[in-house]
Protein backbone atom coordinates (compact mmCIF):
# COMPACT_ATOMS: atom_id res chain seq x y z
CA MET A 1 92.80 139.62 114.79
CA LYS A 2 95.64 138.08 113.33
CA THR A 3 95.32 134.06 112.24
CA VAL A 4 97.93 131.92 111.07
CA LEU A 5 97.76 128.89 109.53
CA SER A 6 99.88 125.25 110.37
CA THR A 7 100.38 122.88 107.66
CA LYS A 8 100.53 120.59 110.00
CA ILE A 9 98.18 119.50 112.82
CA LEU A 10 98.78 120.69 116.12
CA THR A 11 98.08 118.94 119.84
CA PRO A 12 95.62 120.34 121.99
CA SER A 13 98.51 121.53 124.15
CA GLN A 14 100.13 123.17 121.22
CA LYS A 15 96.98 124.95 120.09
CA GLU A 16 96.26 126.43 123.60
CA LEU A 17 99.14 128.68 122.82
CA PHE A 18 97.41 130.41 120.28
CA LEU A 19 94.16 130.11 122.05
CA ASN A 20 95.81 132.31 125.38
CA SER A 21 97.75 134.81 122.58
CA GLY A 22 94.77 135.91 121.44
CA ILE A 23 96.00 134.89 117.44
CA GLY A 24 93.65 133.00 115.31
CA LEU A 25 94.62 129.68 114.35
CA VAL A 26 93.64 127.56 110.94
CA HIS A 27 95.56 123.99 111.07
CA TYR A 28 95.80 120.61 108.80
CA ASP A 29 98.03 117.98 108.04
CA ALA A 30 99.51 119.17 104.28
CA ILE A 31 100.95 115.52 104.08
CA SER A 32 100.79 111.79 104.76
CA ILE A 33 102.99 109.29 105.88
CA GLU A 34 102.59 105.87 104.57
CA PHE A 35 105.25 103.15 105.11
CA THR A 36 106.11 100.89 102.20
CA LYS A 37 106.99 97.02 103.42
CA VAL A 38 110.44 96.42 102.53
CA ASP A 39 112.44 93.62 103.30
CA ILE A 40 115.48 95.69 105.19
CA PRO A 41 118.97 93.86 104.62
CA GLN A 42 120.56 92.73 107.60
CA ASP A 43 124.27 92.44 106.13
CA TYR A 44 125.04 96.49 107.12
CA LYS A 45 126.39 97.77 110.24
CA ASN A 46 126.07 101.69 108.98
CA TYR A 47 122.77 102.92 108.94
CA ILE A 48 121.65 106.31 107.24
CA PHE A 49 118.53 108.03 108.86
CA THR A 50 117.54 111.65 107.21
CA SER A 51 113.98 111.51 109.05
CA LYS A 52 112.26 110.44 111.79
CA ASN A 53 110.02 108.38 109.53
CA SER A 54 113.07 106.23 108.16
CA VAL A 55 113.78 105.64 111.83
CA LYS A 56 110.25 104.45 112.47
CA ALA A 57 110.08 101.95 109.09
CA PHE A 58 113.80 100.56 110.63
CA LEU A 59 112.38 99.65 113.98
CA ASN A 60 108.93 98.42 112.00
CA TYR A 61 110.64 96.60 109.24
CA ALA A 62 113.92 95.26 110.12
CA PRO A 63 113.83 91.63 111.59
CA ASN A 64 115.95 90.29 114.44
CA LYS A 65 117.36 93.55 115.48
CA LYS A 66 120.45 93.06 117.56
CA ILE A 67 120.23 97.22 118.34
CA ALA A 68 123.78 96.70 120.10
CA ASN A 69 125.83 95.76 116.38
CA TYR A 70 124.32 98.77 114.43
CA LYS A 71 125.50 102.81 114.22
CA ALA A 72 123.46 105.63 112.84
CA PHE A 73 124.36 108.46 111.03
CA CYS A 74 121.58 111.02 110.73
CA VAL A 75 119.85 113.90 110.01
CA GLY A 76 117.95 116.40 113.01
CA GLU A 77 117.41 116.56 116.11
CA LYS A 78 113.73 114.64 115.90
CA THR A 79 115.83 111.99 114.28
CA SER A 80 118.07 111.71 117.17
CA ALA A 81 115.62 112.01 119.90
CA LEU A 82 113.86 108.60 118.08
CA LEU A 83 117.42 106.96 117.83
CA ARG A 84 118.06 107.51 121.07
CA LYS A 85 114.89 106.64 122.79
CA ASN A 86 115.26 103.08 121.01
CA ALA A 87 119.08 102.74 122.18
CA ILE A 88 120.31 102.97 118.77
CA LYS A 89 123.99 104.14 118.96
CA ILE A 90 124.45 107.76 116.76
CA GLU A 91 128.04 107.84 115.02
CA LYS A 92 127.65 111.06 113.61
CA ALA A 93 124.58 113.60 114.00
CA ALA A 94 124.50 116.60 111.73
CA GLU A 95 122.00 119.36 110.68
CA ASN A 96 121.34 119.00 107.17
CA ALA A 97 122.13 116.14 104.69
CA SER A 98 125.03 117.58 102.84
CA ASP A 99 127.03 118.16 106.41
CA LEU A 100 126.11 114.58 106.90
CA ALA A 101 127.34 112.76 103.29
CA ASN A 102 130.67 114.78 103.71
CA PHE A 103 131.43 113.73 107.22
CA ILE A 104 131.11 110.22 105.43
CA VAL A 105 133.32 110.66 102.79
CA LYS A 106 135.95 112.16 104.75
CA ASN A 107 136.08 109.60 108.45
CA TYR A 108 134.18 106.42 106.31
CA LYS A 109 135.68 106.65 103.11
CA ASN A 110 136.24 102.44 103.11
CA GLN A 111 132.78 101.31 104.81
CA GLU A 112 129.43 100.35 103.05
CA PHE A 113 126.03 102.25 104.64
CA LEU A 114 122.20 100.99 104.10
CA PHE A 115 120.84 104.44 103.38
CA LEU A 116 116.44 104.64 104.48
CA SER A 117 114.94 106.81 102.08
CA GLY A 118 111.40 108.21 101.55
CA ASN A 119 110.39 108.57 97.59
CA LEU A 120 110.22 112.44 98.15
CA ARG A 121 114.01 112.66 99.58
CA ARG A 122 115.72 115.31 98.49
CA ASP A 123 119.56 114.79 96.46
CA GLU A 124 121.89 116.31 97.83
CA LEU A 125 123.62 113.70 100.29
CA PRO A 126 122.95 110.67 97.41
CA THR A 127 125.08 112.78 95.18
CA ILE A 128 127.97 113.65 97.55
CA LEU A 129 128.08 109.59 97.90
CA LEU A 130 128.49 108.32 94.73
CA LYS A 131 130.85 111.19 93.59
CA ASN A 132 132.91 110.23 96.53
CA ASN A 133 132.69 106.32 95.54
CA ILE A 134 131.27 105.65 98.52
CA ARG A 135 129.56 102.37 98.67
CA TYR A 136 125.63 102.49 99.60
CA LYS A 137 122.37 100.71 99.56
CA GLU A 138 119.38 102.98 99.07
CA VAL A 139 115.92 101.47 100.42
CA GLU A 140 112.62 103.24 99.92
CA ALA A 141 111.42 102.60 102.86
CA TYR A 142 107.94 105.23 103.03
CA ARG A 143 105.92 107.43 100.92
CA THR A 144 105.08 110.90 101.47
CA TYR A 145 101.43 111.77 99.80
CA PHE A 146 100.60 115.46 99.59
CA ASN A 147 96.89 116.03 100.89
CA THR A 148 95.82 119.75 98.71
CA ARG A 149 93.60 121.94 99.62
CA GLY A 150 92.65 124.96 98.79
CA PHE A 151 91.88 127.98 100.92
CA ASP A 152 89.80 131.27 99.93
CA ARG A 153 91.41 133.42 102.45
CA THR A 154 95.12 134.70 102.45
CA PHE A 155 96.81 134.16 106.39
CA ASP A 156 98.83 136.39 108.43
CA GLY A 157 101.35 133.62 109.02
CA ILE A 158 102.17 130.19 107.69
CA LEU A 159 103.89 127.74 109.14
CA PHE A 160 105.79 124.96 107.65
CA PHE A 161 107.77 122.13 109.13
CA SER A 162 108.84 120.31 105.97
CA PRO A 163 110.01 120.92 101.91
CA SER A 164 107.13 118.64 101.35
CA GLY A 165 104.38 120.77 103.74
CA ILE A 166 105.40 123.74 101.24
CA LYS A 167 105.01 121.77 97.83
CA SER A 168 101.74 120.21 98.81
CA TYR A 169 100.42 123.72 100.31
CA LEU A 170 101.83 125.47 97.33
CA GLU A 171 99.49 123.35 94.91
CA GLU A 172 96.36 125.03 95.19
CA ASN A 173 97.47 128.36 97.30
CA SER A 174 100.09 130.83 97.41
CA ILE A 175 101.99 132.21 100.25
CA SER A 176 101.17 135.56 98.64
CA ASN A 177 102.23 138.70 101.46
CA SER A 178 101.88 135.96 104.41
CA PHE A 179 104.80 135.85 107.10
CA THR A 180 106.43 132.15 106.68
CA PHE A 181 107.89 130.14 109.86
CA CYS A 182 109.96 127.36 109.00
CA ILE A 183 111.22 124.51 111.42
CA GLY A 184 114.45 124.58 109.71
CA ASN A 185 116.94 125.62 107.32
CA THR A 186 116.01 123.06 104.79
CA THR A 187 112.28 123.81 104.89
CA ALA A 188 113.54 127.58 104.48
CA ASN A 189 115.45 126.93 101.65
CA GLU A 190 112.23 126.15 99.94
CA VAL A 191 110.40 128.82 101.03
CA LYS A 192 112.88 130.90 99.57
CA LYS A 193 111.81 130.08 96.06
CA HIS A 194 108.23 131.95 96.95
CA THR A 195 108.91 134.96 99.78
CA ASN A 196 111.57 136.42 101.67
CA ASN A 197 108.96 137.16 104.40
CA ILE A 198 110.85 134.27 106.31
CA ILE A 199 111.61 133.47 110.12
CA ILE A 200 113.31 130.15 111.13
CA ALA A 201 112.81 128.33 114.20
CA ASN A 202 115.94 128.49 116.46
CA LYS A 203 115.47 124.99 117.80
CA PRO A 204 113.77 122.55 114.72
CA THR A 205 110.74 121.79 117.26
CA VAL A 206 106.91 121.87 116.36
CA GLU A 207 106.60 124.54 119.86
CA ASN A 208 109.56 126.61 118.80
CA VAL A 209 107.88 127.39 115.48
CA LEU A 210 104.96 128.15 117.14
CA VAL A 211 106.57 130.87 119.87
CA LYS A 212 108.59 132.43 117.27
CA ALA A 213 104.97 133.34 114.93
CA ILE A 214 103.16 134.32 118.56
CA ASN A 215 105.86 136.28 119.46
CA TYR A 216 106.15 137.76 116.13
CA PHE A 217 102.75 139.24 115.75
CA LYS A 218 102.62 140.37 119.03
CA LYS A 219 105.47 142.45 118.71
CA ASN A 220 104.05 143.65 115.58
CA ASP A 221 99.98 143.83 116.55
């Protein structure tokens, strides 16, 4: 029986997809998130969110929020969905941080931004903003920790949901000949450093990653 490792704990309904497909599943959380109790400045109207965790931090720690006054510039469908759920106006949603930064440079050069980030955030967005003299303040709003765990076996497939999850997994394991399934291009670009056996989800959702893996192993059984 083919067996897949998920680097994220799946919900009961998500696990059922594998049980019904006849594919074995092992799952664990490769990373954990801890929110940093910070004072979020209130004199900004434009906020940059590159993950849903930065949105959660904003909702937790921004006092006296007048939601209608804020404009969000964000990356990813999950981030967008959480912003919409909380009635925060999305000025621009991009697929990746570089695209978002270039949009800001082109269309909002004279405005100021607050960038809520994590401790493992990537460099693309701040590098582009700095290079183009965009005024912004960065606040670290959450921290990502690796939950390292070694596996004494090789899996037929590995499901990855973030670059951090990949780095955590690789601290005590290797990808070897496993086929990898990634939630998006940013995650896939990190996996490409270690293997070319990659399939990227059509949509950046957990369910789509699962379906990609199930369909691949059913087809190649």
